[in-house]
Amino acid sequence: MDIFSLIMILILIASAVAVSSIRSLLGAVIVFMVYSLVMAILWEQLNAPDLAITEAAVGAGITTLLF
């Protein structure tokens, strides 16, 4: 595991904890968007581009637009 993956996993864990503890709806949506983008990067590193595109489109894109 390289250092970039480790940093992404730490950001992923921090954003998962933050999204569940933020009281503001707008703040939670923004942190969830960060979570989805980090997940898309991790899926791409795991050689799953179809999952990365889906995660980026649904998690970061549509969820943020629907808010």
N, C-alpha and C. Protein backbone atom coordinates (compact mmCIF):
# COMPACT_ATOMS: atom_id res chain seq x y z
N MET A 1 0.85 -1.17 0.00
CA MET A 1 0.00 0.00 0.00
C MET A 1 0.90 1.24 0.00
N ASP A 2 0.64 2.10 -0.95
CA ASP A 2 1.47 3.30 -1.03
C ASP A 2 0.90 4.41 -0.13
N ILE A 3 1.66 5.47 -0.03
CA ILE A 3 1.32 6.55 0.89
C ILE A 3 0.06 7.29 0.44
N PHE A 4 -0.15 7.40 -0.88
CA PHE A 4 -1.34 8.08 -1.40
C PHE A 4 -2.61 7.33 -1.00
N SER A 5 -2.59 6.02 -1.10
CA SER A 5 -3.76 5.22 -0.70
C SER A 5 -4.03 5.35 0.78
N LEU A 6 -2.98 5.37 1.56
CA LEU A 6 -3.14 5.52 3.01
C LEU A 6 -3.76 6.87 3.36
N ILE A 7 -3.32 7.93 2.70
CA ILE A 7 -3.88 9.26 2.94
C ILE A 7 -5.35 9.30 2.52
N MET A 8 -5.67 8.68 1.39
CA MET A 8 -7.06 8.64 0.93
C MET A 8 -7.95 7.88 1.90
N ILE A 9 -7.46 6.79 2.45
CA ILE A 9 -8.23 6.01 3.42
C ILE A 9 -8.46 6.81 4.70
N LEU A 10 -7.45 7.55 5.14
CA LEU A 10 -7.61 8.39 6.32
C LEU A 10 -8.62 9.51 6.08
N ILE A 11 -8.58 10.12 4.90
CA ILE A 11 -9.57 11.14 4.56
C ILE A 11 -10.96 10.53 4.49
N LEU A 12 -11.05 9.31 3.96
CA LEU A 12 -12.33 8.62 3.88
C LEU A 12 -12.93 8.36 5.26
N ILE A 13 -12.11 7.89 6.17
CA ILE A 13 -12.59 7.63 7.54
C ILE A 13 -12.99 8.94 8.23
N ALA A 14 -12.17 9.97 8.06
CA ALA A 14 -12.48 11.26 8.69
C ALA A 14 -13.77 11.86 8.14
N SER A 15 -13.98 11.75 6.84
CA SER A 15 -15.20 12.31 6.27
C SER A 15 -16.43 11.48 6.64
N ALA A 16 -16.28 10.17 6.80
CA ALA A 16 -17.41 9.34 7.24
C ALA A 16 -17.83 9.70 8.66
N VAL A 17 -16.86 9.94 9.52
CA VAL A 17 -17.18 10.34 10.89
C VAL A 17 -17.77 11.75 10.90
N ALA A 18 -17.22 12.63 10.09
CA ALA A 18 -17.69 14.02 10.07
C ALA A 18 -19.11 14.13 9.53
N VAL A 19 -19.44 13.36 8.50
CA VAL A 19 -20.78 13.48 7.91
C VAL A 19 -21.85 13.02 8.88
N SER A 20 -21.51 12.11 9.77
CA SER A 20 -22.51 11.65 10.73
C SER A 20 -22.60 12.55 11.97
N SER A 21 -21.63 13.43 12.15
CA SER A 21 -21.65 14.27 13.34
C SER A 21 -21.96 15.74 13.06
N ILE A 22 -22.02 16.14 11.81
CA ILE A 22 -22.31 17.54 11.47
C ILE A 22 -23.81 17.78 11.60
N ARG A 23 -24.16 18.87 12.25
CA ARG A 23 -25.58 19.21 12.46
C ARG A 23 -26.19 19.92 11.25
N SER A 24 -25.38 20.68 10.54
CA SER A 24 -25.86 21.45 9.39
C SER A 24 -26.07 20.52 8.19
N LEU A 25 -27.22 20.65 7.53
CA LEU A 25 -27.51 19.81 6.37
C LEU A 25 -26.59 20.14 5.21
N LEU A 26 -26.34 21.41 4.97
CA LEU A 26 -25.45 21.81 3.88
C LEU A 26 -24.03 21.31 4.13
N GLY A 27 -23.56 21.42 5.34
CA GLY A 27 -22.23 20.92 5.67
C GLY A 27 -22.13 19.42 5.50
N ALA A 28 -23.18 18.70 5.88
CA ALA A 28 -23.17 17.24 5.72
C ALA A 28 -23.17 16.85 4.25
N VAL A 29 -23.89 17.58 3.41
CA VAL A 29 -23.91 17.28 1.98
C VAL A 29 -22.54 17.53 1.37
N ILE A 30 -21.88 18.59 1.77
CA ILE A 30 -20.54 18.90 1.24
C ILE A 30 -19.54 17.84 1.67
N VAL A 31 -19.58 17.42 2.92
CA VAL A 31 -18.66 16.39 3.39
C VAL A 31 -18.97 15.05 2.72
N PHE A 32 -20.25 14.76 2.48
CA PHE A 32 -20.61 13.53 1.77
C PHE A 32 -20.10 13.55 0.34
N MET A 33 -20.07 14.73 -0.29
CA MET A 33 -19.52 14.86 -1.63
C MET A 33 -18.03 14.54 -1.62
N VAL A 34 -17.32 15.02 -0.60
CA VAL A 34 -15.89 14.70 -0.46
C VAL A 34 -15.70 13.20 -0.27
N TYR A 35 -16.55 12.59 0.56
CA TYR A 35 -16.50 11.15 0.78
C TYR A 35 -16.68 10.39 -0.54
N SER A 36 -17.63 10.80 -1.34
CA SER A 36 -17.89 10.12 -2.61
C SER A 36 -16.74 10.29 -3.59
N LEU A 37 -16.14 11.47 -3.62
CA LEU A 37 -15.02 11.68 -4.53
C LEU A 37 -13.79 10.87 -4.11
N VAL A 38 -13.55 10.77 -2.81
CA VAL A 38 -12.43 9.95 -2.33
C VAL A 38 -12.69 8.48 -2.64
N MET A 39 -13.94 8.03 -2.48
CA MET A 39 -14.28 6.65 -2.83
C MET A 39 -14.06 6.39 -4.31
N ALA A 40 -14.40 7.36 -5.16
CA ALA A 40 -14.19 7.20 -6.59
C ALA A 40 -12.70 7.08 -6.91
N ILE A 41 -11.88 7.85 -6.23
CA ILE A 41 -10.43 7.75 -6.44
C ILE A 41 -9.92 6.38 -6.00
N LEU A 42 -10.41 5.90 -4.86
CA LEU A 42 -9.98 4.58 -4.39
C LEU A 42 -10.45 3.46 -5.31
N TRP A 43 -11.67 3.57 -5.85
CA TRP A 43 -12.13 2.55 -6.80
C TRP A 43 -11.25 2.55 -8.05
N GLU A 44 -10.84 3.73 -8.49
CA GLU A 44 -9.96 3.80 -9.66
C GLU A 44 -8.61 3.16 -9.38
N GLN A 45 -8.09 3.35 -8.18
CA GLN A 45 -6.81 2.73 -7.82
C GLN A 45 -6.92 1.22 -7.73
N LEU A 46 -8.10 0.73 -7.43
CA LEU A 46 -8.33 -0.72 -7.36
C LEU A 46 -8.69 -1.31 -8.72
N ASN A 47 -8.48 -0.53 -9.79
CA ASN A 47 -8.74 -0.95 -11.17
C ASN A 47 -10.20 -1.33 -11.39
N ALA A 48 -11.09 -0.52 -10.86
CA ALA A 48 -12.53 -0.70 -11.09
C ALA A 48 -13.10 0.62 -11.62
N PRO A 49 -12.81 0.94 -12.89
CA PRO A 49 -13.24 2.24 -13.41
C PRO A 49 -14.75 2.39 -13.52
N ASP A 50 -15.47 1.29 -13.73
CA ASP A 50 -16.92 1.38 -13.80
C ASP A 50 -17.53 1.80 -12.46
N LEU A 51 -17.00 1.26 -11.38
CA LEU A 51 -17.47 1.66 -10.06
C LEU A 51 -17.05 3.09 -9.73
N ALA A 52 -15.86 3.48 -10.18
CA ALA A 52 -15.39 4.85 -9.92
C ALA A 52 -16.28 5.88 -10.61
N ILE A 53 -16.65 5.61 -11.85
CA ILE A 53 -17.51 6.54 -12.58
C ILE A 53 -18.90 6.60 -11.94
N THR A 54 -19.42 5.44 -11.55
CA THR A 54 -20.73 5.41 -10.91
C THR A 54 -20.72 6.15 -9.58
N GLU A 55 -19.69 5.93 -8.79
CA GLU A 55 -19.58 6.61 -7.49
C GLU A 55 -19.47 8.11 -7.67
N ALA A 56 -18.67 8.54 -8.64
CA ALA A 56 -18.51 9.98 -8.87
C ALA A 56 -19.81 10.60 -9.37
N ALA A 57 -20.50 9.91 -10.26
CA ALA A 57 -21.74 10.46 -10.83
C ALA A 57 -22.87 10.48 -9.82
N VAL A 58 -23.08 9.38 -9.14
CA VAL A 58 -24.21 9.29 -8.22
C VAL A 58 -23.89 9.95 -6.89
N GLY A 59 -22.78 9.57 -6.29
CA GLY A 59 -22.45 10.06 -4.96
C GLY A 59 -22.15 11.54 -4.91
N ALA A 60 -21.27 11.98 -5.77
CA ALA A 60 -20.86 13.39 -5.72
C ALA A 60 -21.74 14.27 -6.59
N GLY A 61 -22.17 13.75 -7.72
CA GLY A 61 -22.92 14.58 -8.65
C GLY A 61 -24.39 14.73 -8.34
N ILE A 62 -25.12 13.63 -8.45
CA ILE A 62 -26.57 13.69 -8.33
C ILE A 62 -27.01 14.03 -6.91
N THR A 63 -26.35 13.46 -5.92
CA THR A 63 -26.73 13.75 -4.54
C THR A 63 -26.57 15.23 -4.22
N THR A 64 -25.49 15.82 -4.69
CA THR A 64 -25.27 17.25 -4.45
C THR A 64 -26.27 18.11 -5.22
N LEU A 65 -26.57 17.72 -6.45
CA LEU A 65 -27.53 18.49 -7.24
C LEU A 65 -28.94 18.39 -6.68
N LEU A 66 -29.31 17.24 -6.15
CA LEU A 66 -30.65 17.08 -5.60
C LEU A 66 -30.84 17.86 -4.30
N PHE A 67 -29.75 18.13 -3.61
CA PHE A 67 -29.86 18.91 -2.39
C PHE A 67 -30.31 20.30 -2.75
